[in-house]
Amino acid sequence: MTLNTMKILIYSPNKDVRESIKLLLARQYDLILTDSPDQCKECIKNATINLVIAEISNPISEKNWLEEIKSQSKNIPIILLIPHKYEKDKRIKEFIQIVDKYLYIKPIKEEALQNILKQLKI
């Protein structure tokens, strides 16, 4: 499979999540992986990013960060990865309204992620 010219920024504080996504997408896309919210913002500001995949690990502290990312990235789609432990958390609805697509994780299902990429035409 040839490498797509699309560049995907993957943010997760969890190394296992970053590595799982890397295994699923590295053959097809140019990936930037980070565990730092600040580095994520810097990448969006300074690099040509076509898609952001971000995991929410703390709904209380990350909503403002996600809103900043969305306003900074303007037309860049964001896929939000939500751990199942937050599935019934009412605050998650606020996150879902900010992003383009969302996916409950643990484990990440390749088919579900590929379907979202197709829907976003990435």
C-alpha atoms as a PDB file:
ATOM      1  CA  MET A   1       0.000   0.000   0.000  1.00  0.00           C
ATOM      2  CA  THR A   2       1.381   3.422  -0.888  1.00  0.00           C
ATOM      3  CA  LEU A   3       1.711   6.233   1.603  1.00  0.00           C
ATOM      4  CA  ASN A   4      -1.041   8.838   1.377  1.00  0.00           C
ATOM      5  CA  THR A   5       0.131  12.455   1.414  1.00  0.00           C
ATOM      6  CA  MET A   6      -2.338  13.220   4.191  1.00  0.00           C
ATOM      7  CA  LYS A   7      -0.766  14.121   7.518  1.00  0.00           C
ATOM      8  CA  ILE A   8      -2.595  12.992  10.654  1.00  0.00           C
ATOM      9  CA  LEU A   9      -1.835  14.358  14.109  1.00  0.00           C
ATOM     10  CA  ILE A  10      -2.547  11.855  16.865  1.00  0.00           C
ATOM     11  CA  TYR A  11      -2.834  13.127  20.422  1.00  0.00           C
ATOM     12  CA  SER A  12      -3.228  10.799  23.366  1.00  0.00           C
ATOM     13  CA  PRO A  13      -1.675  10.847  26.819  1.00  0.00           C
ATOM     14  CA  ASN A  14      -1.800   7.043  26.609  1.00  0.00           C
ATOM     15  CA  LYS A  15       1.167   5.488  24.782  1.00  0.00           C
ATOM     16  CA  ASP A  16      -0.793   2.300  24.051  1.00  0.00           C
ATOM     17  CA  VAL A  17      -3.510   4.280  22.263  1.00  0.00           C
ATOM     18  CA  ARG A  18      -0.945   6.214  20.204  1.00  0.00           C
ATOM     19  CA  GLU A  19       0.855   3.005  19.257  1.00  0.00           C
ATOM     20  CA  SER A  20      -2.407   1.206  18.378  1.00  0.00           C
ATOM     21  CA  ILE A  21      -3.406   3.984  16.001  1.00  0.00           C
ATOM     22  CA  LYS A  22       0.101   4.066  14.574  1.00  0.00           C
ATOM     23  CA  LEU A  23      -0.109   0.348  13.805  1.00  0.00           C
ATOM     24  CA  LEU A  24      -3.462   0.856  12.071  1.00  0.00           C
ATOM     25  CA  LEU A  25      -2.540   3.920   9.992  1.00  0.00           C
ATOM     26  CA  ALA A  26       1.242   4.199   9.526  1.00  0.00           C
ATOM     27  CA  ARG A  27       1.267   2.318   6.227  1.00  0.00           C
ATOM     28  CA  GLN A  28      -1.281   4.672   4.712  1.00  0.00           C
ATOM     29  CA  TYR A  29      -0.619   8.091   6.239  1.00  0.00           C
ATOM     30  CA  ASP A  30       2.119  10.389   7.452  1.00  0.00           C
ATOM     31  CA  LEU A  31       1.634  10.462  11.242  1.00  0.00           C
ATOM     32  CA  ILE A  32       2.677  12.820  14.010  1.00  0.00           C
ATOM     33  CA  LEU A  33       2.210  11.359  17.493  1.00  0.00           C
ATOM     34  CA  THR A  34       2.177  13.377  20.691  1.00  0.00           C
ATOM     35  CA  ASP A  35       1.219  13.014  24.319  1.00  0.00           C
ATOM     36  CA  SER A  36       1.352  16.761  24.949  1.00  0.00           C
ATOM     37  CA  PRO A  37      -1.658  19.069  24.488  1.00  0.00           C
ATOM     38  CA  ASP A  38       0.728  21.999  23.984  1.00  0.00           C
ATOM     39  CA  GLN A  39       2.717  20.143  21.333  1.00  0.00           C
ATOM     40  CA  CYS A  40      -0.546  19.264  19.618  1.00  0.00           C
ATOM     41  CA  LYS A  41      -1.432  22.973  19.418  1.00  0.00           C
ATOM     42  CA  GLU A  42       2.052  23.785  18.095  1.00  0.00           C
ATOM     43  CA  CYS A  43       1.784  21.135  15.374  1.00  0.00           C
ATOM     44  CA  ILE A  44      -1.535  22.528  14.210  1.00  0.00           C
ATOM     45  CA  LYS A  45      -0.087  26.023  14.147  1.00  0.00           C
ATOM     46  CA  ASN A  46       3.166  25.131  12.368  1.00  0.00           C
ATOM     47  CA  ALA A  47       2.491  22.084  10.184  1.00  0.00           C
ATOM     48  CA  THR A  48       0.106  21.156   7.423  1.00  0.00           C
ATOM     49  CA  ILE A  49      -2.263  18.818   9.227  1.00  0.00           C
ATOM     50  CA  ASN A  50      -5.189  17.161   7.431  1.00  0.00           C
ATOM     51  CA  LEU A  51      -6.777  15.440  10.419  1.00  0.00           C
ATOM     52  CA  VAL A  52      -6.503  15.422  14.208  1.00  0.00           C
ATOM     53  CA  ILE A  53      -7.263  12.282  16.201  1.00  0.00           C
ATOM     54  CA  ALA A  54      -7.457  13.160  19.897  1.00  0.00           C
ATOM     55  CA  GLU A  55      -8.193  11.055  22.949  1.00  0.00           C
ATOM     56  CA  ILE A  56     -10.011  12.582  25.886  1.00  0.00           C
ATOM     57  CA  SER A  57      -8.535  11.356  29.125  1.00  0.00           C
ATOM     58  CA  ASN A  58     -10.000  13.950  31.488  1.00  0.00           C
ATOM     59  CA  PRO A  59     -13.341  15.577  30.586  1.00  0.00           C
ATOM     60  CA  ILE A  60     -12.973  18.223  33.276  1.00  0.00           C
ATOM     61  CA  SER A  61      -9.655  19.685  32.136  1.00  0.00           C
ATOM     62  CA  GLU A  62      -9.674  19.002  28.392  1.00  0.00           C
ATOM     63  CA  LYS A  63     -12.830  20.713  27.134  1.00  0.00           C
ATOM     64  CA  ASN A  64     -11.158  24.134  26.892  1.00  0.00           C
ATOM     65  CA  TRP A  65      -8.140  22.577  25.198  1.00  0.00           C
ATOM     66  CA  LEU A  66     -10.372  20.858  22.643  1.00  0.00           C
ATOM     67  CA  GLU A  67     -12.234  24.118  21.936  1.00  0.00           C
ATOM     68  CA  GLU A  68      -8.877  25.850  21.385  1.00  0.00           C
ATOM     69  CA  ILE A  69      -7.774  23.103  19.011  1.00  0.00           C
ATOM     70  CA  LYS A  70     -11.017  23.335  17.036  1.00  0.00           C
ATOM     71  CA  SER A  71     -10.849  27.126  16.736  1.00  0.00           C
ATOM     72  CA  GLN A  72      -7.157  26.985  15.816  1.00  0.00           C
ATOM     73  CA  SER A  73      -7.616  24.227  13.268  1.00  0.00           C
ATOM     74  CA  LYS A  74     -10.685  25.767  11.574  1.00  0.00           C
ATOM     75  CA  ASN A  75     -11.328  23.336   8.706  1.00  0.00           C
ATOM     76  CA  ILE A  76      -9.258  20.425   9.968  1.00  0.00           C
ATOM     77  CA  PRO A  77     -11.536  17.548  10.983  1.00  0.00           C
ATOM     78  CA  ILE A  78     -11.148  16.215  14.505  1.00  0.00           C
ATOM     79  CA  ILE A  79     -11.937  12.658  15.500  1.00  0.00           C
ATOM     80  CA  LEU A  80     -12.419  12.358  19.237  1.00  0.00           C
ATOM     81  CA  LEU A  81     -11.488   9.083  20.906  1.00  0.00           C
ATOM     82  CA  ILE A  82     -13.539   8.549  24.047  1.00  0.00           C
ATOM     83  CA  PRO A  83     -12.651   5.846  26.567  1.00  0.00           C
ATOM     84  CA  HIS A  84     -15.656   3.650  27.371  1.00  0.00           C
ATOM     85  CA  LYS A  85     -15.480   4.684  31.024  1.00  0.00           C
ATOM     86  CA  TYR A  86     -16.881   8.095  29.934  1.00  0.00           C
ATOM     87  CA  GLU A  87     -19.666   6.664  27.778  1.00  0.00           C
ATOM     88  CA  LYS A  88     -22.396   7.661  30.239  1.00  0.00           C
ATOM     89  CA  ASP A  89     -20.696  10.886  31.402  1.00  0.00           C
ATOM     90  CA  LYS A  90     -23.035  13.771  30.563  1.00  0.00           C
ATOM     91  CA  ARG A  91     -20.080  16.093  29.901  1.00  0.00           C
ATOM     92  CA  ILE A  92     -19.088  14.009  26.878  1.00  0.00           C
ATOM     93  CA  LYS A  93     -22.055  15.422  24.923  1.00  0.00           C
ATOM     94  CA  GLU A  94     -20.355  18.823  25.106  1.00  0.00           C
ATOM     95  CA  PHE A  95     -17.190  17.328  23.602  1.00  0.00           C
ATOM     96  CA  ILE A  96     -19.114  15.611  20.826  1.00  0.00           C
ATOM     97  CA  GLN A  97     -20.637  18.939  19.763  1.00  0.00           C
ATOM     98  CA  ILE A  98     -17.152  20.398  19.255  1.00  0.00           C
ATOM     99  CA  VAL A  99     -15.695  17.691  17.007  1.00  0.00           C
ATOM    100  CA  ASP A 100     -16.493  16.249  13.585  1.00  0.00           C
ATOM    101  CA  LYS A 101     -16.646  12.565  14.515  1.00  0.00           C
ATOM    102  CA  TYR A 102     -16.209  10.501  17.636  1.00  0.00           C
ATOM    103  CA  LEU A 103     -15.390   6.920  18.439  1.00  0.00           C
ATOM    104  CA  TYR A 104     -15.525   5.017  21.704  1.00  0.00           C
ATOM    105  CA  ILE A 105     -12.260   3.213  22.286  1.00  0.00           C
ATOM    106  CA  LYS A 106     -10.743   0.375  24.285  1.00  0.00           C
ATOM    107  CA  PRO A 107      -9.929  -1.374  22.129  1.00  0.00           C
ATOM    108  CA  ILE A 108      -9.731   0.697  18.961  1.00  0.00           C
ATOM    109  CA  LYS A 109     -11.469  -1.131  16.154  1.00  0.00           C
ATOM    110  CA  GLU A 110      -9.705  -0.736  12.810  1.00  0.00           C
ATOM    111  CA  GLU A 111     -12.915  -1.063  10.800  1.00  0.00           C
ATOM    112  CA  ALA A 112     -14.637   1.694  12.775  1.00  0.00           C
ATOM    113  CA  LEU A 113     -11.661   4.026  12.381  1.00  0.00           C
ATOM    114  CA  GLN A 114     -11.365   3.295   8.646  1.00  0.00           C
ATOM    115  CA  ASN A 115     -15.091   3.976   8.192  1.00  0.00           C
ATOM    116  CA  ILE A 116     -14.744   7.379   9.838  1.00  0.00           C
ATOM    117  CA  LEU A 117     -11.745   8.215   7.640  1.00  0.00           C
ATOM    118  CA  LYS A 118     -13.793   7.308   4.572  1.00  0.00           C
ATOM    119  CA  GLN A 119     -16.687   9.483   5.744  1.00  0.00           C
ATOM    120  CA  LEU A 120     -14.294  12.403   6.164  1.00  0.00           C
ATOM    121  CA  LYS A 121     -12.711  11.592   2.776  1.00  0.00           C
ATOM    122  CA  ILE A 122      -9.236  11.277   4.336  1.00  0.00           C
END
